[in-house]
Amino acid sequence: MKKGRPAYTVSALADPAVAADVRRVLTSETGSLGVRGQTLERWPAARAPGEVEVEGLPVRVKVSPGRVKVEHDDARRAARRTGLPLREVVSRAEAAWRRAHEDPPDDAS
């Protein structure tokens, strides 16, 4: 920072409705003399909900063009109930969605 002094940067991503509260907490808890803020826009990709089964347990997924994202809470619950690692449940759920929604092979008769 200025004159080679050490410093830290604290970032907070928050709803604009609570910006004043975030600013107040940052100045009171850090001793900072000021806070910088900026408004960001977000353009989320269109997505659709879906559901697959992993070891007989339902796992919700979010599907967007070219991507399947597993709901973490569902994957965690399935991992605990099955004893599988979380990463394995996520992998199986994604694979199950792809298998269920892949295009059937063309008949080359």
Protein backbone atom coordinates (compact mmCIF):
# COMPACT_ATOMS: atom_id res chain seq x y z
CA MET A 1 0.00 0.00 0.00
CA LYS A 2 1.02 3.60 0.31
CA LYS A 3 4.70 4.03 1.26
CA GLY A 4 5.18 0.25 1.25
CA ARG A 5 2.92 -0.35 4.24
CA PRO A 6 1.32 -3.77 4.60
CA ALA A 7 -2.40 -4.01 3.93
CA TYR A 8 -5.26 -6.42 3.43
CA THR A 9 -8.13 -6.37 0.99
CA VAL A 10 -11.51 -7.53 2.23
CA SER A 11 -14.23 -8.21 -0.33
CA ALA A 12 -17.90 -8.71 0.32
CA LEU A 13 -20.46 -9.72 -2.26
CA ALA A 14 -23.84 -8.63 -0.96
CA ASP A 15 -27.32 -7.59 -1.98
CA PRO A 16 -27.53 -3.80 -2.53
CA ALA A 17 -30.26 -3.69 0.11
CA VAL A 18 -27.70 -4.48 2.82
CA ALA A 19 -24.81 -2.39 1.45
CA ALA A 20 -25.08 0.17 4.25
CA ASP A 21 -24.91 -2.60 6.88
CA VAL A 22 -21.87 -4.17 5.21
CA ARG A 23 -20.15 -0.77 5.03
CA ARG A 24 -20.89 -0.12 8.71
CA VAL A 25 -19.54 -3.51 9.82
CA LEU A 26 -16.40 -3.20 7.71
CA THR A 27 -15.51 0.21 9.11
CA SER A 28 -16.34 -0.67 12.71
CA GLU A 29 -14.62 -4.08 12.74
CA THR A 30 -11.51 -3.30 10.69
CA GLY A 31 -10.67 0.23 11.72
CA SER A 32 -10.65 1.28 8.07
CA LEU A 33 -11.22 4.94 7.33
CA GLY A 34 -13.23 4.15 4.23
CA VAL A 35 -14.84 1.50 2.08
CA ARG A 36 -15.04 1.29 -1.69
CA GLY A 37 -18.13 -0.14 -3.32
CA GLN A 38 -19.33 -0.92 -6.77
CA THR A 39 -22.43 -2.39 -8.32
CA LEU A 40 -22.03 -5.49 -10.44
CA GLU A 41 -24.42 -7.03 -12.90
CA ARG A 42 -24.97 -10.74 -13.23
CA TRP A 43 -26.19 -12.55 -16.29
CA PRO A 44 -26.99 -16.11 -15.20
CA ALA A 45 -27.26 -18.79 -17.86
CA ALA A 46 -30.70 -20.20 -18.48
CA ARG A 47 -31.08 -23.48 -16.66
CA ALA A 48 -33.72 -26.10 -16.04
CA PRO A 49 -34.22 -28.35 -13.04
CA GLY A 50 -33.90 -32.10 -13.30
CA GLU A 51 -33.51 -35.16 -11.12
CA VAL A 52 -31.57 -38.42 -11.32
CA GLU A 53 -31.06 -41.37 -8.99
CA VAL A 54 -27.78 -42.41 -7.44
CA GLU A 55 -27.90 -45.75 -5.66
CA GLY A 56 -31.70 -45.40 -5.54
CA LEU A 57 -31.62 -41.94 -3.95
CA PRO A 58 -32.92 -38.82 -5.72
CA VAL A 59 -30.38 -36.14 -6.58
CA ARG A 60 -31.50 -32.85 -8.12
CA VAL A 61 -29.51 -31.28 -10.94
CA LYS A 62 -29.51 -27.95 -12.77
CA VAL A 63 -29.10 -28.23 -16.51
CA SER A 64 -27.87 -25.52 -18.86
CA PRO A 65 -26.60 -25.81 -22.43
CA GLY A 66 -23.57 -28.07 -22.29
CA ARG A 67 -23.52 -28.38 -18.49
CA VAL A 68 -25.07 -30.41 -15.69
CA LYS A 69 -24.57 -29.16 -12.13
CA VAL A 70 -25.52 -31.35 -9.16
CA GLU A 71 -27.27 -29.81 -6.15
CA HIS A 72 -24.65 -30.02 -3.42
CA ASP A 73 -27.06 -30.68 -0.54
CA ASP A 74 -28.65 -33.62 -2.37
CA ALA A 75 -25.25 -35.06 -3.28
CA ARG A 76 -24.06 -34.70 0.30
CA ARG A 77 -27.17 -36.43 1.63
CA ALA A 78 -26.75 -39.30 -0.86
CA ALA A 79 -23.06 -39.61 0.02
CA ARG A 80 -23.84 -39.92 3.72
CA ARG A 81 -26.58 -42.49 3.16
CA THR A 82 -24.59 -44.63 0.73
CA GLY A 83 -21.14 -44.26 2.24
CA LEU A 84 -19.78 -43.13 -1.12
CA PRO A 85 -17.42 -40.15 -1.35
CA LEU A 86 -19.18 -36.91 -2.28
CA ARG A 87 -17.09 -36.59 -5.43
CA GLU A 88 -18.24 -40.06 -6.54
CA VAL A 89 -21.91 -39.20 -5.99
CA VAL A 90 -21.52 -36.02 -8.05
CA SER A 91 -19.77 -37.94 -10.83
CA ARG A 92 -22.46 -40.65 -10.88
CA ALA A 93 -25.28 -38.11 -10.90
CA GLU A 94 -23.77 -36.22 -13.84
CA ALA A 95 -23.20 -39.47 -15.73
CA ALA A 96 -26.77 -40.61 -15.02
CA TRP A 97 -28.15 -37.38 -16.47
CA ARG A 98 -26.00 -37.68 -19.59
CA ARG A 99 -26.99 -41.33 -20.14
CA ALA A 100 -30.68 -40.48 -19.78
CA HIS A 101 -30.46 -37.55 -22.20
CA GLU A 102 -28.00 -38.64 -24.85
CA ASP A 103 -29.20 -38.91 -28.41
CA PRO A 104 -29.96 -42.50 -29.46
CA PRO A 105 -27.58 -43.86 -32.12
CA ASP A 106 -28.82 -43.67 -35.70
CA ASP A 107 -29.81 -46.97 -37.27
CA ALA A 108 -27.38 -47.54 -40.08
CA SER A 109 -29.42 -50.34 -41.65
